[in-house]
């Protein structure tokens, strides 16, 4: 059974940092491209960052270099380090996995990040 379990969300003040984790199970981790998405209230889900075998690491340009995605194959975990958080970063953050050869997508349940002033 494939599972993506996020953790690390919470309530922080603007300027602070958080690190999200996504623990994967039920599939061969290094055969999947992994990503973080977020969805703010009333807005569409958007890509935050991704790690793919074919294209390496990419972060959304709008983040201004504040977020960093990384992964640990041995731990089957993807991380999202978020620094200098802003109120507009408030959203539910979702972990996403896609089989690199195509055809299989999985989502985590999401973790809430709330940034206050």
C-alpha atoms as a PDB file:
ATOM      1  CA  UNK A   1       0.000   0.000   0.000  1.00  0.00           C
ATOM      2  CA  UNK A   2       1.464   3.306  -1.107  1.00  0.00           C
ATOM      3  CA  UNK A   3       1.547   6.027   1.519  1.00  0.00           C
ATOM      4  CA  UNK A   4       2.916   9.545   1.652  1.00  0.00           C
ATOM      5  CA  UNK A   5       2.760  10.967   5.158  1.00  0.00           C
ATOM      6  CA  UNK A   6       3.592  14.619   5.705  1.00  0.00           C
ATOM      7  CA  UNK A   7       4.639  16.169   8.989  1.00  0.00           C
ATOM      8  CA  UNK A   8       6.227  19.324  10.295  1.00  0.00           C
ATOM      9  CA  UNK A   9       3.519  21.874   9.641  1.00  0.00           C
ATOM     10  CA  UNK A  10       2.334  24.311  12.257  1.00  0.00           C
ATOM     11  CA  UNK A  11       1.814  27.897  13.269  1.00  0.00           C
ATOM     12  CA  UNK A  12       4.799  30.221  13.058  1.00  0.00           C
ATOM     13  CA  UNK A  13       5.439  33.924  12.890  1.00  0.00           C
ATOM     14  CA  UNK A  14       6.586  35.729   9.782  1.00  0.00           C
ATOM     15  CA  UNK A  15      10.337  35.442   9.331  1.00  0.00           C
ATOM     16  CA  UNK A  16      10.604  32.071  11.031  1.00  0.00           C
ATOM     17  CA  UNK A  17      11.443  28.700   9.475  1.00  0.00           C
ATOM     18  CA  UNK A  18       9.843  25.282   9.215  1.00  0.00           C
ATOM     19  CA  UNK A  19      10.935  21.979   7.750  1.00  0.00           C
ATOM     20  CA  UNK A  20       8.315  19.687   6.291  1.00  0.00           C
ATOM     21  CA  UNK A  21       8.896  15.970   5.898  1.00  0.00           C
ATOM     22  CA  UNK A  22       7.197  13.441   3.651  1.00  0.00           C
ATOM     23  CA  UNK A  23       7.767   9.814   4.539  1.00  0.00           C
ATOM     24  CA  UNK A  24       7.087   7.432   1.650  1.00  0.00           C
ATOM     25  CA  UNK A  25       6.259   3.758   1.842  1.00  0.00           C
ATOM     26  CA  UNK A  26       4.894   1.040  -0.401  1.00  0.00           C
ATOM     27  CA  UNK A  27       6.963   1.807  -3.491  1.00  0.00           C
ATOM     28  CA  UNK A  28      10.539   1.917  -4.710  1.00  0.00           C
ATOM     29  CA  UNK A  29      11.403   5.454  -3.706  1.00  0.00           C
ATOM     30  CA  UNK A  30      14.115   6.195  -6.253  1.00  0.00           C
ATOM     31  CA  UNK A  31      11.864   5.278  -9.171  1.00  0.00           C
ATOM     32  CA  UNK A  32       9.519   8.145  -8.330  1.00  0.00           C
ATOM     33  CA  UNK A  33       9.713  11.852  -8.982  1.00  0.00           C
ATOM     34  CA  UNK A  34       8.739  13.745  -5.847  1.00  0.00           C
ATOM     35  CA  UNK A  35       7.317  17.189  -5.301  1.00  0.00           C
ATOM     36  CA  UNK A  36       5.688  19.564  -2.840  1.00  0.00           C
ATOM     37  CA  UNK A  37       2.531  21.451  -3.727  1.00  0.00           C
ATOM     38  CA  UNK A  38       0.506  23.895  -1.694  1.00  0.00           C
ATOM     39  CA  UNK A  39      -3.032  25.161  -1.710  1.00  0.00           C
ATOM     40  CA  UNK A  40      -4.084  28.358  -0.033  1.00  0.00           C
ATOM     41  CA  UNK A  41      -7.731  29.084   0.820  1.00  0.00           C
ATOM     42  CA  UNK A  42      -9.670  30.022  -2.298  1.00  0.00           C
ATOM     43  CA  UNK A  43      -6.727  29.351  -4.591  1.00  0.00           C
ATOM     44  CA  UNK A  44      -5.651  26.545  -6.886  1.00  0.00           C
ATOM     45  CA  UNK A  45      -3.055  24.035  -5.843  1.00  0.00           C
ATOM     46  CA  UNK A  46       0.384  25.126  -7.028  1.00  0.00           C
ATOM     47  CA  UNK A  47       3.774  23.511  -7.420  1.00  0.00           C
ATOM     48  CA  UNK A  48       6.317  24.581  -4.817  1.00  0.00           C
ATOM     49  CA  UNK A  49       9.305  22.402  -5.662  1.00  0.00           C
ATOM     50  CA  UNK A  50      10.152  19.064  -7.249  1.00  0.00           C
ATOM     51  CA  UNK A  51      12.910  16.527  -7.544  1.00  0.00           C
ATOM     52  CA  UNK A  52      12.944  14.418 -10.688  1.00  0.00           C
ATOM     53  CA  UNK A  53      15.426  11.951 -12.069  1.00  0.00           C
ATOM     54  CA  UNK A  54      15.222  13.517 -15.518  1.00  0.00           C
ATOM     55  CA  UNK A  55      15.273  17.208 -14.599  1.00  0.00           C
ATOM     56  CA  UNK A  56      16.880  17.458 -11.204  1.00  0.00           C
ATOM     57  CA  UNK A  57      15.648  19.988  -8.670  1.00  0.00           C
ATOM     58  CA  UNK A  58      13.408  22.912  -9.399  1.00  0.00           C
ATOM     59  CA  UNK A  59      11.737  25.478  -7.155  1.00  0.00           C
ATOM     60  CA  UNK A  60       8.953  27.872  -7.997  1.00  0.00           C
ATOM     61  CA  UNK A  61      10.417  31.205  -9.101  1.00  0.00           C
ATOM     62  CA  UNK A  62       7.976  33.105  -6.907  1.00  0.00           C
ATOM     63  CA  UNK A  63       9.630  31.772  -3.736  1.00  0.00           C
ATOM     64  CA  UNK A  64      12.727  33.892  -4.173  1.00  0.00           C
ATOM     65  CA  UNK A  65      15.059  31.161  -2.991  1.00  0.00           C
ATOM     66  CA  UNK A  66      13.479  30.858   0.450  1.00  0.00           C
ATOM     67  CA  UNK A  67      12.478  27.188   0.119  1.00  0.00           C
ATOM     68  CA  UNK A  68      14.691  24.168  -0.546  1.00  0.00           C
ATOM     69  CA  UNK A  69      13.587  20.651  -1.458  1.00  0.00           C
ATOM     70  CA  UNK A  70      15.777  17.685  -0.678  1.00  0.00           C
ATOM     71  CA  UNK A  71      15.462  13.949  -0.316  1.00  0.00           C
ATOM     72  CA  UNK A  72      17.015  11.069   1.543  1.00  0.00           C
ATOM     73  CA  UNK A  73      16.716   7.837  -0.434  1.00  0.00           C
ATOM     74  CA  UNK A  74      17.773   5.697   2.507  1.00  0.00           C
ATOM     75  CA  UNK A  75      15.016   7.218   4.664  1.00  0.00           C
ATOM     76  CA  UNK A  76      12.528   7.363   1.762  1.00  0.00           C
ATOM     77  CA  UNK A  77      11.790  10.905   2.809  1.00  0.00           C
ATOM     78  CA  UNK A  78      11.439  14.211   1.000  1.00  0.00           C
ATOM     79  CA  UNK A  79      11.973  17.448   2.871  1.00  0.00           C
ATOM     80  CA  UNK A  80      10.977  21.036   2.305  1.00  0.00           C
ATOM     81  CA  UNK A  81      13.029  23.576   4.214  1.00  0.00           C
ATOM     82  CA  UNK A  82      11.122  26.848   4.372  1.00  0.00           C
ATOM     83  CA  UNK A  83      12.961  29.945   5.549  1.00  0.00           C
ATOM     84  CA  UNK A  84      11.861  33.532   6.090  1.00  0.00           C
ATOM     85  CA  UNK A  85       8.232  32.516   5.961  1.00  0.00           C
ATOM     86  CA  UNK A  86       5.664  35.083   4.918  1.00  0.00           C
ATOM     87  CA  UNK A  87       1.946  35.314   5.604  1.00  0.00           C
ATOM     88  CA  UNK A  88       1.291  34.486   1.946  1.00  0.00           C
ATOM     89  CA  UNK A  89       2.950  31.097   2.509  1.00  0.00           C
ATOM     90  CA  UNK A  90      -0.040  30.082   4.604  1.00  0.00           C
ATOM     91  CA  UNK A  91      -1.495  26.983   2.924  1.00  0.00           C
ATOM     92  CA  UNK A  92      -1.937  23.260   3.130  1.00  0.00           C
ATOM     93  CA  UNK A  93       1.238  21.657   1.844  1.00  0.00           C
ATOM     94  CA  UNK A  94       0.968  18.362  -0.007  1.00  0.00           C
ATOM     95  CA  UNK A  95       3.555  15.770  -0.855  1.00  0.00           C
ATOM     96  CA  UNK A  96       3.259  14.268  -4.338  1.00  0.00           C
ATOM     97  CA  UNK A  97       4.889  11.267  -5.951  1.00  0.00           C
ATOM     98  CA  UNK A  98       4.814  10.223  -9.598  1.00  0.00           C
ATOM     99  CA  UNK A  99       6.280   7.050 -11.030  1.00  0.00           C
ATOM    100  CA  UNK A 100       9.071   8.227 -13.315  1.00  0.00           C
ATOM    101  CA  UNK A 101       7.961   5.950 -16.149  1.00  0.00           C
ATOM    102  CA  UNK A 102       4.459   7.409 -15.907  1.00  0.00           C
ATOM    103  CA  UNK A 103       0.978   6.298 -14.973  1.00  0.00           C
ATOM    104  CA  UNK A 104       0.979   6.343 -11.171  1.00  0.00           C
ATOM    105  CA  UNK A 105       0.418   9.453  -9.038  1.00  0.00           C
ATOM    106  CA  UNK A 106       0.069   9.647  -5.280  1.00  0.00           C
ATOM    107  CA  UNK A 107      -0.759  12.446  -2.853  1.00  0.00           C
ATOM    108  CA  UNK A 108      -0.263  12.798   0.845  1.00  0.00           C
ATOM    109  CA  UNK A 109      -3.006  14.009   3.142  1.00  0.00           C
ATOM    110  CA  UNK A 110      -1.479  17.459   3.532  1.00  0.00           C
ATOM    111  CA  UNK A 111      -0.038  19.419   6.425  1.00  0.00           C
ATOM    112  CA  UNK A 112      -1.190  22.900   7.413  1.00  0.00           C
ATOM    113  CA  UNK A 113       1.297  25.747   7.546  1.00  0.00           C
ATOM    114  CA  UNK A 114       0.047  28.993   9.025  1.00  0.00           C
ATOM    115  CA  UNK A 115       2.219  32.087   9.124  1.00  0.00           C
ATOM    116  CA  UNK A 116       1.088  34.953  11.337  1.00  0.00           C
ATOM    117  CA  UNK A 117       2.293  38.536  11.494  1.00  0.00           C
END
